[in-house]
Amino acid sequence: MSVYAFDYRILSSDTDANRNLRLSRLFTMLQEASIAHTTELGMGREKTLDRGLLWIVTLQQAKITRLPVYDEPIRLRSWPGKTMHLLFPRYYRIEDRRGNSLVDASALWALMDQNTRRVVFPELYGIKIRGVHTGRELALPASPRMPQGEQTGSFTVPYSYVDLNGHMNNTRYFDLAEDLMPPELRARRITGIQTEYAKEAREGDTILLRQETAPDAFLLCGEQNGQKLFRLALTYGA
């Protein structure tokens, strides 16, 4: 299948206090769609995970018309772009029951060796995914800008935030951001997301945080031993 499609109805456990799809749950759905489609394309766990190769996200971007709400039926579509040396572009679209776009997103994925924790060349392992072009692709993601100001705190990665790759799952950074941002900003309509994951954080690691709040945006980054771990930028409308 060139384009993966999945129908789903938003559960109460998927939503926040405003009955909107929680950001961490949104990106979990995109992540699971990526895995499911990759499996359909013949590059499932027997070709990757069972051989010690881990799929990781390096960059993500989303343009949000509105978030799905509790009990709303949606259709999630996902498809791969043309492989870029070490990187696998992937695109996403979430539609309402009338086919209107609610969320358009893009991501760059890579494969990491679980022992060396280094990105690998996919062709050395026979990992090939044929890209498609639909004309609905969101631009590929870029790195968010660095928040201004001094370090504002720290965060220690708990066991519950760690996934099967052995590091803090990319979706949990959204929970961290929403916990830290002002409530009045969290209640506004989100319109865009940019993230970068430069280095993994593992259980027990302490991340030094730097954040910036603007009238229509919240930026958060994490560092460890002087190295950038992640950057995240959320933008909001009226």
Protein backbone atom coordinates (compact mmCIF):
# COMPACT_ATOMS: atom_id res chain seq x y z
CA MET A 1 0.00 0.00 0.00
CA SER A 2 1.43 3.38 -1.00
CA VAL A 3 -0.69 5.30 1.54
CA TYR A 4 -1.67 3.87 4.91
CA ALA A 5 -5.14 4.75 6.23
CA PHE A 6 -6.62 4.09 9.65
CA ASP A 7 -10.05 5.03 11.04
CA TYR A 8 -10.32 5.87 14.71
CA ARG A 9 -12.69 7.48 17.23
CA ILE A 10 -11.08 9.69 19.88
CA LEU A 11 -11.34 8.13 23.35
CA SER A 12 -11.62 9.97 26.66
CA SER A 13 -8.14 8.69 27.57
CA ASP A 14 -6.76 10.41 24.43
CA THR A 15 -7.85 13.88 25.50
CA ASP A 16 -6.85 16.70 27.82
CA ALA A 17 -8.97 18.79 30.19
CA ASN A 18 -10.26 20.80 27.21
CA ARG A 19 -11.47 17.56 25.52
CA ASN A 20 -8.94 18.06 22.74
CA LEU A 21 -6.64 15.31 21.55
CA ARG A 22 -3.59 15.49 23.81
CA LEU A 23 -0.38 16.39 21.95
CA SER A 24 1.50 13.38 23.27
CA ARG A 25 -1.35 11.15 22.12
CA LEU A 26 -1.41 12.83 18.69
CA PHE A 27 2.24 12.03 18.10
CA THR A 28 1.81 8.53 19.52
CA MET A 29 -0.81 7.94 16.82
CA LEU A 30 1.57 9.22 14.14
CA GLN A 31 4.32 7.02 15.52
CA GLU A 32 2.13 3.90 15.52
CA ALA A 33 0.92 4.63 11.99
CA SER A 34 4.56 4.81 10.87
CA ILE A 35 5.29 1.41 12.42
CA ALA A 36 2.14 -0.19 11.01
CA HIS A 37 2.78 1.07 7.48
CA THR A 38 6.45 0.14 7.55
CA THR A 39 5.38 -3.38 8.52
CA GLU A 40 2.89 -3.49 5.63
CA LEU A 41 5.72 -2.45 3.31
CA GLY A 42 7.76 -5.49 4.35
CA MET A 43 10.19 -3.71 6.68
CA GLY A 44 8.72 -4.77 10.03
CA ARG A 45 10.36 -5.83 13.25
CA GLU A 46 11.96 -8.97 11.80
CA LYS A 47 14.04 -6.69 9.54
CA THR A 48 14.77 -4.05 12.17
CA LEU A 49 13.97 -4.50 15.88
CA ASP A 50 14.74 -8.22 15.96
CA ARG A 51 18.11 -7.47 14.36
CA GLY A 52 19.02 -4.77 16.87
CA LEU A 53 17.94 -1.82 14.71
CA LEU A 54 15.75 0.86 16.29
CA TRP A 55 13.58 3.39 14.48
CA ILE A 56 14.10 6.89 15.87
CA VAL A 57 12.61 10.29 15.03
CA THR A 58 15.05 13.14 14.42
CA LEU A 59 12.75 16.01 13.35
CA GLN A 60 8.99 16.58 13.32
CA GLN A 61 6.64 19.30 12.15
CA ALA A 62 2.87 19.73 12.26
CA LYS A 63 0.43 22.30 10.91
CA ILE A 64 -2.81 22.17 12.89
CA THR A 65 -6.13 23.51 11.69
CA ARG A 66 -7.72 22.17 14.85
CA LEU A 67 -7.18 19.21 17.15
CA PRO A 68 -9.68 16.35 17.05
CA VAL A 69 -11.99 16.27 20.08
CA TYR A 70 -13.44 13.61 22.34
CA ASP A 71 -15.64 11.06 20.56
CA GLU A 72 -14.84 12.44 17.11
CA PRO A 73 -14.26 9.94 14.28
CA ILE A 74 -11.11 10.64 12.27
CA ARG A 75 -9.08 9.11 9.49
CA LEU A 76 -5.28 9.09 9.76
CA ARG A 77 -3.25 8.78 6.56
CA SER A 78 0.51 8.25 6.35
CA TRP A 79 2.98 7.66 3.52
CA PRO A 80 6.76 7.61 3.02
CA GLY A 81 8.81 10.07 1.04
CA LYS A 82 11.98 9.37 -0.94
CA THR A 83 14.79 8.12 1.30
CA MET A 84 17.48 10.75 1.89
CA HIS A 85 20.75 8.85 2.49
CA LEU A 86 20.37 8.13 6.25
CA LEU A 87 16.91 9.64 6.67
CA PHE A 88 13.42 8.38 5.90
CA PRO A 89 10.88 11.18 5.35
CA ARG A 90 7.31 10.38 6.33
CA TYR A 91 4.13 12.40 5.94
CA TYR A 92 0.83 12.39 7.79
CA ARG A 93 -2.67 13.78 7.46
CA ILE A 94 -5.58 13.57 9.90
CA GLU A 95 -9.02 14.22 8.44
CA ASP A 96 -12.49 14.66 9.87
CA ARG A 97 -15.46 12.62 8.67
CA ARG A 98 -15.94 14.96 5.69
CA GLY A 99 -12.35 14.59 4.55
CA ASN A 100 -11.26 18.04 5.77
CA SER A 101 -7.67 18.23 6.99
CA LEU A 102 -7.30 18.73 10.74
CA VAL A 103 -3.56 18.04 11.05
CA ASP A 104 -0.81 17.83 8.43
CA ALA A 105 2.59 16.63 9.61
CA SER A 106 5.99 15.48 8.46
CA ALA A 107 8.91 13.72 10.11
CA LEU A 108 12.41 12.49 9.44
CA TRP A 109 13.16 9.00 10.75
CA ALA A 110 16.46 7.11 10.99
CA LEU A 111 17.71 3.72 12.14
CA MET A 112 19.97 3.37 15.19
CA ASP A 113 22.04 0.39 16.32
CA GLN A 114 20.78 -0.57 19.77
CA ASN A 115 24.27 -1.50 20.98
CA THR A 116 26.39 1.36 19.63
CA ARG A 117 23.50 3.91 19.81
CA ARG A 118 24.68 5.29 16.46
CA VAL A 119 22.67 5.94 13.30
CA VAL A 120 23.32 3.29 10.64
CA PHE A 121 23.30 3.20 6.84
CA PRO A 122 20.04 1.43 5.96
CA GLU A 123 21.33 -0.07 2.71
CA LEU A 124 23.90 -2.11 4.66
CA TYR A 125 20.98 -3.98 6.23
CA GLY A 126 18.77 -4.20 3.18
CA ILE A 127 16.28 -1.66 4.53
CA LYS A 128 14.54 -0.03 1.57
CA ILE A 129 11.28 1.91 1.55
CA ARG A 130 9.94 3.25 -1.71
CA GLY A 131 8.71 6.83 -1.47
CA VAL A 132 5.49 8.16 -2.96
CA HIS A 133 4.29 11.65 -3.84
CA THR A 134 0.65 12.65 -3.28
CA GLY A 135 0.85 16.43 -3.66
CA ARG A 136 -0.35 16.87 -0.08
CA GLU A 137 3.06 16.73 1.59
CA LEU A 138 3.84 19.27 4.28
CA ALA A 139 7.34 20.73 3.98
CA LEU A 140 10.01 18.66 5.68
CA PRO A 141 10.74 19.75 9.26
CA ALA A 142 13.57 22.04 10.31
CA SER A 143 15.16 22.61 13.70
CA PRO A 144 13.29 25.03 16.00
CA ARG A 145 15.14 28.08 17.21
CA MET A 146 16.84 28.09 20.60
CA PRO A 147 14.87 29.57 23.51
CA GLN A 148 16.32 32.79 24.90
CA GLY A 149 17.32 33.24 28.50
CA GLU A 150 18.98 31.25 31.25
CA GLN A 151 18.33 27.66 32.29
CA THR A 152 15.02 27.47 34.10
CA GLY A 153 15.13 24.08 35.79
CA SER A 154 15.83 20.40 35.35
CA PHE A 155 13.98 17.17 34.74
CA THR A 156 14.98 13.59 35.56
CA VAL A 157 13.67 10.94 33.16
CA PRO A 158 11.42 8.46 35.02
CA TYR A 159 10.96 4.81 34.10
CA SER A 160 7.42 5.48 32.88
CA TYR A 161 8.71 7.80 30.13
CA VAL A 162 11.07 5.19 28.63
CA ASP A 163 10.01 3.17 25.56
CA LEU A 164 11.18 -0.08 23.97
CA ASN A 165 14.15 1.74 22.46
CA GLY A 166 15.47 2.29 25.98
CA HIS A 167 15.13 6.08 25.99
CA MET A 168 12.58 8.79 26.72
CA ASN A 169 9.93 8.48 24.04
CA ASN A 170 9.62 11.48 21.75
CA THR A 171 5.92 11.90 22.60
CA ARG A 172 6.63 12.48 26.29
CA TYR A 173 8.43 15.75 25.57
CA PHE A 174 5.00 17.20 24.76
CA ASP A 175 3.72 16.20 28.20
CA LEU A 176 6.76 17.88 29.73
CA ALA A 177 6.20 21.06 27.70
CA GLU A 178 2.52 21.29 28.57
CA ASP A 179 3.28 20.76 32.25
CA LEU A 180 5.72 23.67 32.17
CA MET A 181 3.87 26.24 30.05
CA PRO A 182 1.47 28.86 31.50
CA PRO A 183 -2.12 27.56 31.80
CA GLU A 184 -3.48 30.47 29.76
CA LEU A 185 -1.30 29.50 26.79
CA ARG A 186 -2.18 25.83 27.13
CA ALA A 187 -5.87 26.75 26.82
CA ARG A 188 -5.39 28.49 23.45
CA ARG A 189 -5.72 26.93 19.99
CA ILE A 190 -2.47 25.35 18.88
CA THR A 191 -1.53 25.95 15.25
CA GLY A 192 1.98 24.58 14.76
CA ILE A 193 4.65 22.29 16.19
CA GLN A 194 8.36 21.87 15.46
CA THR A 195 10.61 19.41 17.27
CA GLU A 196 14.18 18.19 17.06
CA TYR A 197 15.63 15.19 18.88
CA ALA A 198 19.40 15.47 18.71
CA LYS A 199 20.48 13.04 21.44
CA GLU A 200 18.62 10.46 23.46
CA ALA A 201 17.78 10.77 27.16
CA ARG A 202 17.68 7.53 29.15
CA GLU A 203 16.11 6.54 32.45
CA GLY A 204 17.64 8.47 35.35
CA ASP A 205 19.26 11.11 33.13
CA THR A 206 18.85 14.67 34.37
CA ILE A 207 18.05 17.17 31.64
CA LEU A 208 18.78 20.88 32.08
CA LEU A 209 15.88 22.89 30.70
CA ARG A 210 15.65 26.26 29.01
CA GLN A 211 12.27 27.72 28.08
CA GLU A 212 10.76 30.82 26.54
CA THR A 213 7.16 31.98 26.64
CA ALA A 214 5.76 34.47 24.12
CA PRO A 215 2.17 35.66 23.61
CA ASP A 216 1.68 33.10 20.85
CA ALA A 217 4.45 30.52 21.40
CA PHE A 218 6.25 28.29 23.87
CA LEU A 219 9.80 27.06 23.29
CA LEU A 220 11.58 24.42 25.32
CA CYS A 221 14.98 22.79 24.99
CA GLY A 222 16.97 20.30 27.00
CA GLU A 223 20.72 19.89 27.42
CA GLN A 224 23.03 17.46 29.17
CA ASN A 225 26.76 17.92 29.74
CA GLY A 226 26.72 20.85 27.34
CA GLN A 227 25.11 18.83 24.54
CA LYS A 228 21.72 19.56 23.00
CA LEU A 229 19.17 16.80 23.59
CA PHE A 230 15.99 18.28 22.15
CA ARG A 231 14.23 21.45 21.04
CA LEU A 232 10.51 21.97 20.83
CA ALA A 233 8.42 24.92 19.63
CA LEU A 234 4.64 25.20 19.95
CA THR A 235 2.76 28.08 18.31
CA TYR A 236 -0.75 29.24 19.13
CA GLY A 237 -3.52 31.26 17.50
CA ALA A 238 -6.40 33.28 18.88
